[in-house]
Amino acid sequence: MFSNNDRYEHNVFQENGAGVAVMFSDDVTMYDNVFAHNWGPASYGLLLKDIRDSDIKGNQFHRNTIGLYSEGSLRLNIEHNEFTRNGYAIKMMASSTDNQIVANNFVSNTFDVSTNSRQNFNTFDGNYWSRYQGFDLDRDGIGDVPHRPVHLFSLLVEREPAGLILLRSFFIDLIDAAEQVMPIYTPPTLLDGRPSIAPIRLEQS
């Protein structure tokens, strides 16, 4: 906490009871780290609280309860990261604004993105989403229809955690599909307007 201009590179943070927390700092860079197998009711791969003007790039978030949790963080560049098989890939609280989530891979997470508000002040652009069901008629590698990564069920679970037992039910698939067509409860502006059709090759720093 309260430590500016720090750089975290090529570390492996795994099997921790909580995870890695960085708080109340500016100009933090986190490149090419691995956050893996951090499981538990209050666990995460990486927690960012009140972080400003920082870069989160080229990291792997694999099998964490929450891959990346952001609260009160501003002007983050979250790019070229891999989020695979997490409970929640990203939890972006409404207090986090002006963040760029660009060219990341979201693969086989229970929930790709979760938030606690119907408003969105962040940019999601050019990410790969394994759940994307759109099409690419002009074959330029970019989906022709936007992708909405927040599912209604994730908002319901935030309010009633016990509802998670219904995760694989047909009823949940039905209400999520209806919400994707006509968003009423999920943030209407939280979408990726240029989803990548194929997984993105991650850049190493």
N, C-alpha and C. Protein backbone atom coordinates (compact mmCIF):
# COMPACT_ATOMS: atom_id res chain seq x y z
N MET A 1 0.83 -1.21 0.00
CA MET A 1 0.00 0.00 0.00
C MET A 1 0.86 1.25 0.00
N PHE A 2 0.33 2.32 -0.62
CA PHE A 2 1.01 3.63 -0.63
C PHE A 2 2.45 3.51 -1.12
N SER A 3 2.60 2.83 -2.26
CA SER A 3 3.94 2.63 -2.82
C SER A 3 3.87 2.85 -4.32
N ASN A 4 4.31 4.01 -4.77
CA ASN A 4 4.19 4.39 -6.17
C ASN A 4 5.36 3.89 -7.01
N ASN A 5 5.12 3.86 -8.33
CA ASN A 5 6.17 3.56 -9.31
C ASN A 5 6.81 2.19 -9.10
N ASP A 6 6.00 1.21 -8.74
CA ASP A 6 6.51 -0.14 -8.55
C ASP A 6 6.33 -0.97 -9.82
N ARG A 7 7.17 -1.97 -9.98
CA ARG A 7 7.11 -2.84 -11.15
C ARG A 7 7.17 -4.30 -10.69
N TYR A 8 6.20 -5.09 -11.14
CA TYR A 8 6.14 -6.52 -10.82
C TYR A 8 6.29 -7.29 -12.13
N GLU A 9 7.33 -8.10 -12.26
CA GLU A 9 7.58 -8.81 -13.51
C GLU A 9 7.92 -10.28 -13.26
N HIS A 10 7.37 -11.17 -14.10
CA HIS A 10 7.77 -12.58 -14.18
C HIS A 10 7.71 -13.28 -12.82
N ASN A 11 6.65 -13.00 -12.06
CA ASN A 11 6.43 -13.70 -10.80
C ASN A 11 5.32 -14.73 -10.97
N VAL A 12 5.30 -15.72 -10.09
CA VAL A 12 4.22 -16.69 -10.02
C VAL A 12 3.60 -16.60 -8.64
N PHE A 13 2.31 -16.24 -8.62
CA PHE A 13 1.56 -16.14 -7.36
C PHE A 13 0.48 -17.22 -7.41
N GLN A 14 0.63 -18.28 -6.64
CA GLN A 14 -0.34 -19.37 -6.75
C GLN A 14 -0.60 -20.02 -5.40
N GLU A 15 -1.79 -20.62 -5.32
CA GLU A 15 -2.24 -21.38 -4.15
C GLU A 15 -2.14 -20.57 -2.87
N ASN A 16 -2.59 -19.32 -2.94
CA ASN A 16 -2.62 -18.46 -1.75
C ASN A 16 -4.02 -18.45 -1.14
N GLY A 17 -4.08 -18.18 0.15
CA GLY A 17 -5.37 -18.11 0.82
C GLY A 17 -6.18 -16.91 0.39
N ALA A 18 -5.52 -15.83 0.03
CA ALA A 18 -6.23 -14.63 -0.41
C ALA A 18 -5.81 -14.29 -1.83
N GLY A 19 -4.58 -13.86 -2.02
CA GLY A 19 -4.10 -13.47 -3.34
C GLY A 19 -3.15 -12.31 -3.21
N VAL A 20 -2.99 -11.55 -4.28
CA VAL A 20 -2.09 -10.41 -4.30
C VAL A 20 -2.93 -9.13 -4.26
N ALA A 21 -2.65 -8.25 -3.33
CA ALA A 21 -3.40 -7.00 -3.19
C ALA A 21 -2.44 -5.82 -3.33
N VAL A 22 -2.78 -4.90 -4.22
CA VAL A 22 -2.01 -3.67 -4.40
C VAL A 22 -2.99 -2.52 -4.22
N MET A 23 -2.68 -1.60 -3.31
CA MET A 23 -3.65 -0.57 -2.92
C MET A 23 -3.02 0.82 -2.81
N PHE A 24 -3.84 1.82 -3.09
CA PHE A 24 -3.51 3.23 -2.84
C PHE A 24 -2.17 3.63 -3.43
N SER A 25 -1.98 3.31 -4.71
CA SER A 25 -0.69 3.59 -5.36
C SER A 25 -0.91 4.07 -6.79
N ASP A 26 0.08 4.80 -7.30
CA ASP A 26 0.05 5.30 -8.68
C ASP A 26 1.20 4.71 -9.48
N ASP A 27 1.02 4.66 -10.79
CA ASP A 27 2.09 4.26 -11.72
C ASP A 27 2.68 2.90 -11.38
N VAL A 28 1.81 1.92 -11.30
CA VAL A 28 2.22 0.54 -11.04
C VAL A 28 2.21 -0.22 -12.37
N THR A 29 3.23 -1.03 -12.62
CA THR A 29 3.25 -1.87 -13.81
C THR A 29 3.36 -3.32 -13.37
N MET A 30 2.52 -4.16 -13.96
CA MET A 30 2.52 -5.60 -13.67
C MET A 30 2.57 -6.33 -15.00
N TYR A 31 3.74 -6.88 -15.34
CA TYR A 31 3.97 -7.51 -16.63
C TYR A 31 4.32 -8.99 -16.48
N ASP A 32 3.68 -9.83 -17.27
CA ASP A 32 4.08 -11.22 -17.46
C ASP A 32 4.15 -12.01 -16.15
N ASN A 33 3.17 -11.81 -15.29
CA ASN A 33 3.05 -12.58 -14.07
C ASN A 33 1.99 -13.66 -14.22
N VAL A 34 2.04 -14.66 -13.35
CA VAL A 34 1.04 -15.72 -13.33
C VAL A 34 0.33 -15.70 -11.99
N PHE A 35 -1.01 -15.63 -12.05
CA PHE A 35 -1.85 -15.70 -10.87
C PHE A 35 -2.72 -16.94 -11.02
N ALA A 36 -2.47 -17.97 -10.22
CA ALA A 36 -3.11 -19.25 -10.48
C ALA A 36 -3.52 -19.97 -9.20
N HIS A 37 -4.66 -20.64 -9.28
CA HIS A 37 -5.14 -21.54 -8.22
C HIS A 37 -5.26 -20.85 -6.86
N ASN A 38 -5.73 -19.62 -6.88
CA ASN A 38 -6.03 -18.92 -5.63
C ASN A 38 -7.53 -19.04 -5.38
N TRP A 39 -7.90 -20.05 -4.59
CA TRP A 39 -9.31 -20.39 -4.38
C TRP A 39 -9.73 -20.13 -2.95
N GLY A 40 -10.96 -19.75 -2.76
CA GLY A 40 -11.52 -19.54 -1.43
C GLY A 40 -12.63 -18.51 -1.47
N PRO A 41 -13.44 -18.43 -0.42
CA PRO A 41 -14.57 -17.50 -0.42
C PRO A 41 -14.16 -16.04 -0.51
N ALA A 42 -12.94 -15.69 -0.14
CA ALA A 42 -12.48 -14.30 -0.22
C ALA A 42 -11.16 -14.23 -0.98
N SER A 43 -10.99 -15.08 -1.99
CA SER A 43 -9.73 -15.15 -2.72
C SER A 43 -9.82 -14.48 -4.07
N TYR A 44 -8.69 -14.08 -4.59
CA TYR A 44 -8.58 -13.46 -5.91
C TYR A 44 -7.16 -13.69 -6.40
N GLY A 45 -6.96 -13.57 -7.69
CA GLY A 45 -5.59 -13.56 -8.19
C GLY A 45 -4.93 -12.24 -7.87
N LEU A 46 -5.58 -11.15 -8.30
CA LEU A 46 -5.03 -9.80 -8.09
C LEU A 46 -6.15 -8.85 -7.70
N LEU A 47 -5.98 -8.16 -6.59
CA LEU A 47 -6.91 -7.13 -6.15
C LEU A 47 -6.24 -5.77 -6.31
N LEU A 48 -6.92 -4.87 -6.99
CA LEU A 48 -6.45 -3.50 -7.17
C LEU A 48 -7.45 -2.55 -6.54
N LYS A 49 -7.01 -1.80 -5.55
CA LYS A 49 -7.89 -0.85 -4.88
C LYS A 49 -7.26 0.52 -4.88
N ASP A 50 -7.98 1.49 -5.45
CA ASP A 50 -7.48 2.87 -5.52
C ASP A 50 -6.10 2.92 -6.18
N ILE A 51 -6.01 2.29 -7.34
CA ILE A 51 -4.79 2.31 -8.16
C ILE A 51 -5.05 3.23 -9.34
N ARG A 52 -4.06 4.03 -9.69
CA ARG A 52 -4.26 4.99 -10.78
C ARG A 52 -3.09 4.94 -11.77
N ASP A 53 -3.44 5.18 -13.05
CA ASP A 53 -2.44 5.35 -14.11
C ASP A 53 -1.42 4.20 -14.13
N SER A 54 -1.95 2.98 -14.27
CA SER A 54 -1.09 1.79 -14.18
C SER A 54 -1.35 0.83 -15.33
N ASP A 55 -0.39 -0.06 -15.57
CA ASP A 55 -0.46 -1.02 -16.67
C ASP A 55 -0.48 -2.44 -16.13
N ILE A 56 -1.47 -3.21 -16.58
CA ILE A 56 -1.58 -4.63 -16.24
C ILE A 56 -1.51 -5.36 -17.57
N LYS A 57 -0.36 -5.95 -17.90
CA LYS A 57 -0.15 -6.42 -19.27
C LYS A 57 0.57 -7.77 -19.31
N GLY A 58 0.09 -8.65 -20.17
CA GLY A 58 0.76 -9.91 -20.44
C GLY A 58 0.71 -10.91 -19.30
N ASN A 59 -0.26 -10.77 -18.39
CA ASN A 59 -0.36 -11.67 -17.25
C ASN A 59 -1.31 -12.83 -17.54
N GLN A 60 -1.16 -13.90 -16.78
CA GLN A 60 -2.05 -15.05 -16.89
C GLN A 60 -2.82 -15.21 -15.59
N PHE A 61 -4.12 -15.23 -15.71
CA PHE A 61 -5.01 -15.45 -14.57
C PHE A 61 -5.72 -16.79 -14.80
N HIS A 62 -5.34 -17.79 -14.03
CA HIS A 62 -5.82 -19.15 -14.31
C HIS A 62 -6.36 -19.80 -13.04
N ARG A 63 -7.61 -20.20 -13.11
CA ARG A 63 -8.26 -20.94 -12.02
C ARG A 63 -8.17 -20.21 -10.67
N ASN A 64 -8.62 -18.98 -10.64
CA ASN A 64 -8.79 -18.24 -9.39
C ASN A 64 -10.28 -18.05 -9.11
N THR A 65 -10.63 -17.87 -7.85
CA THR A 65 -12.01 -17.52 -7.55
C THR A 65 -12.39 -16.25 -8.29
N ILE A 66 -11.56 -15.22 -8.18
CA ILE A 66 -11.68 -13.99 -8.96
C ILE A 66 -10.31 -13.72 -9.58
N GLY A 67 -10.26 -13.59 -10.88
CA GLY A 67 -8.97 -13.33 -11.52
C GLY A 67 -8.45 -11.96 -11.14
N LEU A 68 -9.19 -10.92 -11.52
CA LEU A 68 -8.79 -9.55 -11.23
C LEU A 68 -9.98 -8.79 -10.65
N TYR A 69 -9.77 -8.20 -9.48
CA TYR A 69 -10.80 -7.42 -8.80
C TYR A 69 -10.33 -5.96 -8.76
N SER A 70 -11.18 -5.06 -9.23
CA SER A 70 -10.81 -3.64 -9.26
C SER A 70 -11.85 -2.80 -8.56
N GLU A 71 -11.41 -1.98 -7.62
CA GLU A 71 -12.30 -1.09 -6.88
C GLU A 71 -11.63 0.28 -6.74
N GLY A 72 -12.33 1.31 -7.17
CA GLY A 72 -11.81 2.67 -7.04
C GLY A 72 -10.56 2.93 -7.85
N SER A 73 -10.36 2.17 -8.91
CA SER A 73 -9.14 2.30 -9.72
C SER A 73 -9.43 3.10 -10.98
N LEU A 74 -8.48 3.95 -11.37
CA LEU A 74 -8.69 4.88 -12.47
C LEU A 74 -7.57 4.77 -13.51
N ARG A 75 -7.96 4.85 -14.75
CA ARG A 75 -7.02 4.93 -15.88
C ARG A 75 -6.02 3.77 -15.90
N LEU A 76 -6.55 2.57 -15.77
CA LEU A 76 -5.73 1.38 -15.90
C LEU A 76 -5.73 0.91 -17.35
N ASN A 77 -4.59 0.43 -17.81
CA ASN A 77 -4.51 -0.25 -19.10
C ASN A 77 -4.39 -1.74 -18.83
N ILE A 78 -5.46 -2.46 -19.08
CA ILE A 78 -5.50 -3.91 -18.85
C ILE A 78 -5.51 -4.56 -20.22
N GLU A 79 -4.36 -5.03 -20.68
CA GLU A 79 -4.28 -5.51 -22.06
C GLU A 79 -3.37 -6.73 -22.21
N HIS A 80 -3.71 -7.55 -23.20
CA HIS A 80 -2.93 -8.73 -23.55
C HIS A 80 -2.75 -9.68 -22.37
N ASN A 81 -3.80 -9.81 -21.56
CA ASN A 81 -3.80 -10.79 -20.47
C ASN A 81 -4.65 -12.00 -20.85
N GLU A 82 -4.40 -13.09 -20.17
CA GLU A 82 -5.14 -14.33 -20.41
C GLU A 82 -5.94 -14.67 -19.16
N PHE A 83 -7.26 -14.78 -19.30
CA PHE A 83 -8.15 -15.15 -18.19
C PHE A 83 -8.78 -16.49 -18.54
N THR A 84 -8.37 -17.56 -17.86
CA THR A 84 -8.87 -18.89 -18.20
C THR A 84 -9.38 -19.62 -16.95
N ARG A 85 -10.58 -20.13 -17.07
CA ARG A 85 -11.17 -21.02 -16.07
C ARG A 85 -11.20 -20.42 -14.66
N ASN A 86 -11.46 -19.13 -14.57
CA ASN A 86 -11.67 -18.50 -13.27
C ASN A 86 -13.15 -18.55 -12.92
N GLY A 87 -13.45 -18.41 -11.62
CA GLY A 87 -14.85 -18.22 -11.25
C GLY A 87 -15.37 -16.94 -11.87
N TYR A 88 -14.73 -15.82 -11.54
CA TYR A 88 -14.95 -14.53 -12.18
C TYR A 88 -13.62 -14.11 -12.81
N ALA A 89 -13.62 -13.82 -14.09
CA ALA A 89 -12.38 -13.34 -14.70
C ALA A 89 -12.05 -11.94 -14.18
N ILE A 90 -13.01 -11.01 -14.33
CA ILE A 90 -12.83 -9.64 -13.84
C ILE A 90 -14.07 -9.22 -13.07
N LYS A 91 -13.86 -8.69 -11.87
CA LYS A 91 -14.91 -7.98 -11.14
C LYS A 91 -14.53 -6.51 -11.15
N MET A 92 -15.29 -5.71 -11.88
CA MET A 92 -15.00 -4.29 -12.03
C MET A 92 -16.10 -3.51 -11.32
N MET A 93 -15.78 -2.98 -10.15
CA MET A 93 -16.78 -2.24 -9.39
C MET A 93 -17.07 -0.89 -10.05
N ALA A 94 -18.24 -0.35 -9.76
CA ALA A 94 -18.68 0.91 -10.39
C ALA A 94 -17.75 2.07 -10.07
N SER A 95 -17.01 1.97 -8.98
CA SER A 95 -16.08 3.04 -8.58
C SER A 95 -14.81 3.05 -9.43
N SER A 96 -14.63 2.05 -10.28
CA SER A 96 -13.48 2.01 -11.18
C SER A 96 -13.89 2.60 -12.53
N THR A 97 -13.20 3.65 -12.95
CA THR A 97 -13.61 4.37 -14.16
C THR A 97 -12.42 4.68 -15.06
N ASP A 98 -12.73 4.94 -16.33
CA ASP A 98 -11.73 5.35 -17.33
C ASP A 98 -10.63 4.30 -17.52
N ASN A 99 -11.01 3.04 -17.39
CA ASN A 99 -10.07 1.95 -17.59
C ASN A 99 -10.22 1.37 -19.00
N GLN A 100 -9.12 0.92 -19.56
CA GLN A 100 -9.11 0.33 -20.90
C GLN A 100 -8.84 -1.18 -20.77
N ILE A 101 -9.82 -1.99 -21.18
CA ILE A 101 -9.67 -3.45 -21.16
C ILE A 101 -9.63 -3.89 -22.61
N VAL A 102 -8.43 -4.10 -23.12
CA VAL A 102 -8.22 -4.22 -24.57
C VAL A 102 -7.38 -5.46 -24.89
N ALA A 103 -7.81 -6.22 -25.91
CA ALA A 103 -7.02 -7.31 -26.49
C ALA A 103 -6.62 -8.35 -25.45
N ASN A 104 -7.57 -8.74 -24.61
CA ASN A 104 -7.36 -9.83 -23.66
C ASN A 104 -8.10 -11.07 -24.15
N ASN A 105 -7.72 -12.23 -23.63
CA ASN A 105 -8.42 -13.48 -23.92
C ASN A 105 -9.24 -13.90 -22.70
N PHE A 106 -10.52 -14.14 -22.90
CA PHE A 106 -11.41 -14.63 -21.85
C PHE A 106 -11.90 -16.01 -22.27
N VAL A 107 -11.40 -17.04 -21.60
CA VAL A 107 -11.65 -18.41 -22.04
C VAL A 107 -12.19 -19.26 -20.90
N SER A 108 -13.40 -19.77 -21.07
CA SER A 108 -13.99 -20.77 -20.18
C SER A 108 -14.06 -20.33 -18.72
N ASN A 109 -14.34 -19.05 -18.49
CA ASN A 109 -14.60 -18.58 -17.13
C ASN A 109 -16.08 -18.78 -16.81
N THR A 110 -16.38 -18.98 -15.52
CA THR A 110 -17.79 -19.07 -15.14
C THR A 110 -18.48 -17.75 -15.46
N PHE A 111 -17.89 -16.64 -15.04
CA PHE A 111 -18.36 -15.31 -15.40
C PHE A 111 -17.16 -14.52 -15.94
N ASP A 112 -17.29 -13.96 -17.13
CA ASP A 112 -16.17 -13.20 -17.70
C ASP A 112 -16.02 -11.84 -17.04
N VAL A 113 -17.13 -11.10 -16.89
CA VAL A 113 -17.10 -9.77 -16.28
C VAL A 113 -18.29 -9.64 -15.35
N SER A 114 -18.04 -9.08 -14.18
CA SER A 114 -19.12 -8.81 -13.23
C SER A 114 -18.95 -7.40 -12.69
N THR A 115 -20.07 -6.76 -12.39
CA THR A 115 -20.03 -5.41 -11.83
C THR A 115 -21.19 -5.26 -10.86
N ASN A 116 -21.24 -4.13 -10.18
CA ASN A 116 -22.30 -3.90 -9.20
C ASN A 116 -23.16 -2.69 -9.57
N SER A 117 -23.20 -2.38 -10.86
CA SER A 117 -23.95 -1.19 -11.28
C SER A 117 -24.46 -1.39 -12.71
N ARG A 118 -25.52 -0.67 -13.07
CA ARG A 118 -26.00 -0.66 -14.45
C ARG A 118 -25.26 0.38 -15.28
N GLN A 119 -24.39 1.14 -14.66
CA GLN A 119 -23.60 2.13 -15.39
C GLN A 119 -22.21 1.59 -15.66
N ASN A 120 -21.62 2.07 -16.73
CA ASN A 120 -20.28 1.63 -17.09
C ASN A 120 -19.48 2.83 -17.60
N PHE A 121 -18.29 3.02 -17.04
CA PHE A 121 -17.42 4.13 -17.45
C PHE A 121 -16.05 3.62 -17.89
N ASN A 122 -16.02 2.38 -18.39
CA ASN A 122 -14.79 1.76 -18.84
C ASN A 122 -14.95 1.31 -20.29
N THR A 123 -13.83 1.04 -20.95
CA THR A 123 -13.85 0.65 -22.35
C THR A 123 -13.37 -0.79 -22.50
N PHE A 124 -14.21 -1.62 -23.12
CA PHE A 124 -13.84 -2.98 -23.49
C PHE A 124 -13.75 -3.02 -25.01
N ASP A 125 -12.59 -3.42 -25.55
CA ASP A 125 -12.43 -3.33 -27.00
C ASP A 125 -11.45 -4.39 -27.51
N GLY A 126 -11.88 -5.11 -28.53
CA GLY A 126 -10.98 -6.03 -29.22
C GLY A 126 -10.54 -7.23 -28.41
N ASN A 127 -11.35 -7.65 -27.45
CA ASN A 127 -11.02 -8.83 -26.65
C ASN A 127 -11.56 -10.09 -27.32
N TYR A 128 -10.95 -11.23 -26.98
CA TYR A 128 -11.49 -12.52 -27.41
C TYR A 128 -12.33 -13.10 -26.29
N TRP A 129 -13.55 -13.50 -26.62
CA TRP A 129 -14.49 -14.08 -25.66
C TRP A 129 -14.88 -15.47 -26.16
N SER A 130 -14.55 -16.51 -25.43
CA SER A 130 -14.87 -17.86 -25.89
C SER A 130 -16.38 -18.08 -25.96
N ARG A 131 -17.16 -17.25 -25.27
CA ARG A 131 -18.62 -17.39 -25.30
C ARG A 131 -19.29 -16.55 -26.39
N TYR A 132 -18.51 -15.86 -27.15
CA TYR A 132 -19.10 -15.02 -28.20
C TYR A 132 -19.81 -15.88 -29.23
N GLN A 133 -21.04 -15.54 -29.54
CA GLN A 133 -21.84 -16.31 -30.47
C GLN A 133 -22.19 -15.52 -31.73
N GLY A 134 -21.44 -14.47 -31.99
CA GLY A 134 -21.69 -13.66 -33.17
C GLY A 134 -21.05 -14.26 -34.41
N PHE A 135 -20.89 -13.46 -35.43
CA PHE A 135 -20.40 -13.94 -36.72
C PHE A 135 -19.47 -12.91 -37.33
N ASP A 136 -18.75 -13.32 -38.34
CA ASP A 136 -17.77 -12.46 -39.01
C ASP A 136 -17.93 -12.64 -40.52
N LEU A 137 -18.95 -12.00 -41.07
CA LEU A 137 -19.26 -12.21 -42.49
C LEU A 137 -18.20 -11.65 -43.42
N ASP A 138 -17.54 -10.56 -43.03
CA ASP A 138 -16.52 -9.98 -43.91
C ASP A 138 -15.13 -10.55 -43.66
N ARG A 139 -15.03 -11.47 -42.72
CA ARG A 139 -13.80 -12.22 -42.45
C ARG A 139 -12.60 -11.32 -42.15
N ASP A 140 -12.85 -10.28 -41.38
CA ASP A 140 -11.74 -9.40 -40.99
C ASP A 140 -11.20 -9.73 -39.60
N GLY A 141 -11.71 -10.81 -39.01
CA GLY A 141 -11.24 -11.23 -37.69
C GLY A 141 -11.95 -10.56 -36.54
N ILE A 142 -12.88 -9.64 -36.85
CA ILE A 142 -13.62 -8.90 -35.83
C ILE A 142 -15.11 -9.27 -35.93
N GLY A 143 -15.72 -9.58 -34.82
CA GLY A 143 -17.13 -9.93 -34.83
C GLY A 143 -17.99 -8.79 -35.35
N ASP A 144 -19.02 -9.13 -36.11
CA ASP A 144 -19.88 -8.11 -36.72
C ASP A 144 -20.93 -7.56 -35.77
N VAL A 145 -21.15 -8.23 -34.66
CA VAL A 145 -22.10 -7.73 -33.66
C VAL A 145 -21.37 -7.63 -32.32
N PRO A 146 -21.72 -6.65 -31.48
CA PRO A 146 -21.04 -6.48 -30.19
C PRO A 146 -21.27 -7.68 -29.28
N HIS A 147 -20.39 -7.80 -28.30
CA HIS A 147 -20.53 -8.85 -27.28
C HIS A 147 -20.79 -8.19 -25.93
N ARG A 148 -21.79 -8.70 -25.22
CA ARG A 148 -22.10 -8.21 -23.87
C ARG A 148 -21.61 -9.24 -22.87
N PRO A 149 -20.50 -8.97 -22.18
CA PRO A 149 -19.89 -9.99 -21.31
C PRO A 149 -20.54 -10.15 -19.94
N VAL A 150 -21.40 -9.21 -19.54
CA VAL A 150 -22.03 -9.31 -18.22
C VAL A 150 -23.33 -10.10 -18.35
N HIS A 151 -23.44 -11.18 -17.62
CA HIS A 151 -24.66 -11.97 -17.64
C HIS A 151 -25.56 -11.58 -16.47
N LEU A 152 -26.85 -11.62 -16.71
CA LEU A 152 -27.81 -11.28 -15.67
C LEU A 152 -27.62 -12.15 -14.44
N PHE A 153 -27.30 -13.42 -14.67
CA PHE A 153 -27.15 -14.33 -13.53
C PHE A 153 -26.03 -13.90 -12.59
N SER A 154 -24.98 -13.29 -13.13
CA SER A 154 -23.89 -12.82 -12.26
C SER A 154 -24.38 -11.74 -11.31
N LEU A 155 -25.31 -10.89 -11.77
CA LEU A 155 -25.87 -9.85 -10.90
C LEU A 155 -26.76 -10.48 -9.83
N LEU A 156 -27.50 -11.52 -10.20
CA LEU A 156 -28.36 -12.20 -9.23
C LEU A 156 -27.52 -12.88 -8.15
N VAL A 157 -26.40 -13.47 -8.55
CA VAL A 157 -25.53 -14.14 -7.58
C VAL A 157 -24.90 -13.14 -6.63
N GLU A 158 -24.60 -11.92 -7.14
CA GLU A 158 -24.06 -10.88 -6.26
C GLU A 158 -25.02 -10.58 -5.12
N ARG A 159 -26.32 -10.60 -5.41
CA ARG A 159 -27.34 -10.29 -4.39
C ARG A 159 -27.69 -11.51 -3.54
N GLU A 160 -27.73 -12.68 -4.19
CA GLU A 160 -28.09 -13.92 -3.50
C GLU A 160 -27.09 -15.01 -3.85
N PRO A 161 -25.97 -15.09 -3.12
CA PRO A 161 -24.92 -16.06 -3.46
C PRO A 161 -25.42 -17.51 -3.53
N ALA A 162 -26.44 -17.83 -2.74
CA ALA A 162 -26.96 -19.20 -2.75
C ALA A 162 -27.55 -19.58 -4.10
N GLY A 163 -27.88 -18.58 -4.91
CA GLY A 163 -28.44 -18.84 -6.23
C GLY A 163 -27.46 -19.51 -7.17
N LEU A 164 -26.18 -19.57 -6.79
CA LEU A 164 -25.17 -20.19 -7.64
C LEU A 164 -25.48 -21.64 -7.93
N ILE A 165 -26.29 -22.26 -7.08
CA ILE A 165 -26.64 -23.67 -7.27
C ILE A 165 -27.40 -23.88 -8.58
N LEU A 166 -27.99 -22.81 -9.12
CA LEU A 166 -28.76 -22.90 -10.36
C LEU A 166 -27.92 -22.66 -11.61
N LEU A 167 -26.61 -22.58 -11.44
CA LEU A 167 -25.72 -22.14 -12.52
C LEU A 167 -25.95 -22.87 -13.84
N ARG A 168 -26.06 -24.17 -13.82
CA ARG A 168 -26.15 -24.96 -15.07
C ARG A 168 -27.58 -25.26 -15.48
N SER A 169 -28.54 -24.59 -14.92
CA SER A 169 -29.93 -24.90 -15.23
C SER A 169 -30.39 -24.24 -16.53
N PHE A 170 -31.38 -24.84 -17.17
CA PHE A 170 -31.94 -24.30 -18.41
C PHE A 170 -32.58 -22.94 -18.17
N PHE A 171 -33.17 -22.75 -16.99
CA PHE A 171 -33.82 -21.48 -16.66
C PHE A 171 -32.82 -20.33 -16.71
N ILE A 172 -31.63 -20.55 -16.19
CA ILE A 172 -30.61 -19.50 -16.19
C ILE A 172 -30.16 -19.20 -17.62
N ASP A 173 -29.99 -20.23 -18.43
CA ASP A 173 -29.64 -20.01 -19.84
C ASP A 173 -30.70 -19.17 -20.53
N LEU A 174 -31.94 -19.40 -20.19
CA LEU A 174 -33.06 -18.69 -20.82
C LEU A 174 -33.05 -17.21 -20.46
N ILE A 175 -32.91 -16.89 -19.17
CA ILE A 175 -32.96 -15.48 -18.77
C ILE A 175 -31.71 -14.73 -19.23
N ASP A 176 -30.57 -15.42 -19.29
CA ASP A 176 -29.36 -14.77 -19.81
C ASP A 176 -29.51 -14.47 -21.29
N ALA A 177 -30.10 -15.39 -22.03
CA ALA A 177 -30.30 -15.17 -23.47
C ALA A 177 -31.24 -14.00 -23.70
N ALA A 178 -32.31 -13.92 -22.91
CA ALA A 178 -33.27 -12.81 -23.04
C ALA A 178 -32.62 -11.48 -22.70
N GLU A 179 -31.76 -11.47 -21.69
CA GLU A 179 -31.09 -10.24 -21.29
C GLU A 179 -30.09 -9.78 -22.34
N GLN A 180 -29.46 -10.73 -23.03
CA GLN A 180 -28.52 -10.36 -24.09
C GLN A 180 -29.24 -9.66 -25.24
N VAL A 181 -30.44 -10.12 -25.54
CA VAL A 181 -31.20 -9.52 -26.64
C VAL A 181 -31.73 -8.14 -26.26
N MET A 182 -32.26 -8.03 -25.04
CA MET A 182 -32.83 -6.77 -24.60
C MET A 182 -32.38 -6.48 -23.17
N PRO A 183 -31.20 -5.87 -23.00
CA PRO A 183 -30.67 -5.64 -21.65
C PRO A 183 -31.53 -4.68 -20.84
N ILE A 184 -31.97 -5.14 -19.69
CA ILE A 184 -32.78 -4.33 -18.79
C ILE A 184 -32.05 -4.11 -17.47
N TYR A 185 -31.39 -5.17 -16.98
CA TYR A 185 -30.73 -5.10 -15.68
C TYR A 185 -29.22 -5.00 -15.78
N THR A 186 -28.64 -5.51 -16.86
CA THR A 186 -27.19 -5.43 -17.02
C THR A 186 -26.82 -4.10 -17.65
N PRO A 187 -25.56 -3.65 -17.47
CA PRO A 187 -25.15 -2.34 -18.02
C PRO A 187 -25.26 -2.30 -19.54
N PRO A 188 -26.12 -1.48 -20.10
CA PRO A 188 -26.30 -1.48 -21.56
C PRO A 188 -25.07 -1.00 -22.33
N THR A 189 -24.22 -0.22 -21.68
CA THR A 189 -23.03 0.30 -22.38
C THR A 189 -21.78 -0.53 -22.11
N LEU A 190 -21.91 -1.57 -21.28
CA LEU A 190 -20.75 -2.42 -21.03
C LEU A 190 -20.75 -3.51 -22.10
N LEU A 191 -20.08 -3.23 -23.18
CA LEU A 191 -20.01 -4.18 -24.29
C LEU A 191 -18.69 -4.01 -25.02
N ASP A 192 -18.32 -5.06 -25.72
CA ASP A 192 -17.14 -5.03 -26.59
C ASP A 192 -17.66 -4.89 -28.01
N GLY A 193 -17.46 -3.72 -28.60
CA GLY A 193 -17.98 -3.46 -29.93
C GLY A 193 -17.19 -4.10 -31.05
N ARG A 194 -15.97 -4.58 -30.73
CA ARG A 194 -15.12 -5.20 -31.76
C ARG A 194 -14.50 -6.49 -31.23
N PRO A 195 -15.33 -7.46 -30.86
CA PRO A 195 -14.77 -8.70 -30.30
C PRO A 195 -13.94 -9.46 -31.32
N SER A 196 -12.83 -9.99 -30.86
CA SER A 196 -11.95 -10.78 -31.74
C SER A 196 -12.56 -12.17 -31.95
N ILE A 197 -12.52 -12.65 -33.19
CA ILE A 197 -13.05 -13.97 -33.49
C ILE A 197 -12.10 -15.06 -33.02
N ALA A 198 -10.82 -14.83 -33.07
CA ALA A 198 -9.82 -15.83 -32.68
C ALA A 198 -9.06 -15.38 -31.44
N PRO A 199 -8.53 -16.31 -30.65
CA PRO A 199 -7.71 -15.91 -29.50
C PRO A 199 -6.56 -15.02 -29.93
N ILE A 200 -6.20 -14.10 -29.06
CA ILE A 200 -5.18 -13.11 -29.36
C ILE A 200 -3.82 -13.62 -28.89
N ARG A 201 -2.84 -13.47 -29.73
CA ARG A 201 -1.48 -13.85 -29.34
C ARG A 201 -0.95 -12.83 -28.35
N LEU A 202 -0.58 -13.30 -27.16
CA LEU A 202 -0.13 -12.39 -26.12
C LEU A 202 1.28 -11.90 -26.38
N GLU A 203 1.49 -10.63 -26.11
CA GLU A 203 2.82 -10.04 -26.27
C GLU A 203 3.59 -10.16 -24.97
N GLN A 204 4.84 -10.48 -25.08
CA GLN A 204 5.72 -10.55 -23.91
C GLN A 204 6.50 -9.25 -23.82
N SER A 205 6.61 -8.72 -22.61
CA SER A 205 7.32 -7.45 -22.41
C SER A 205 8.82 -7.69 -22.27
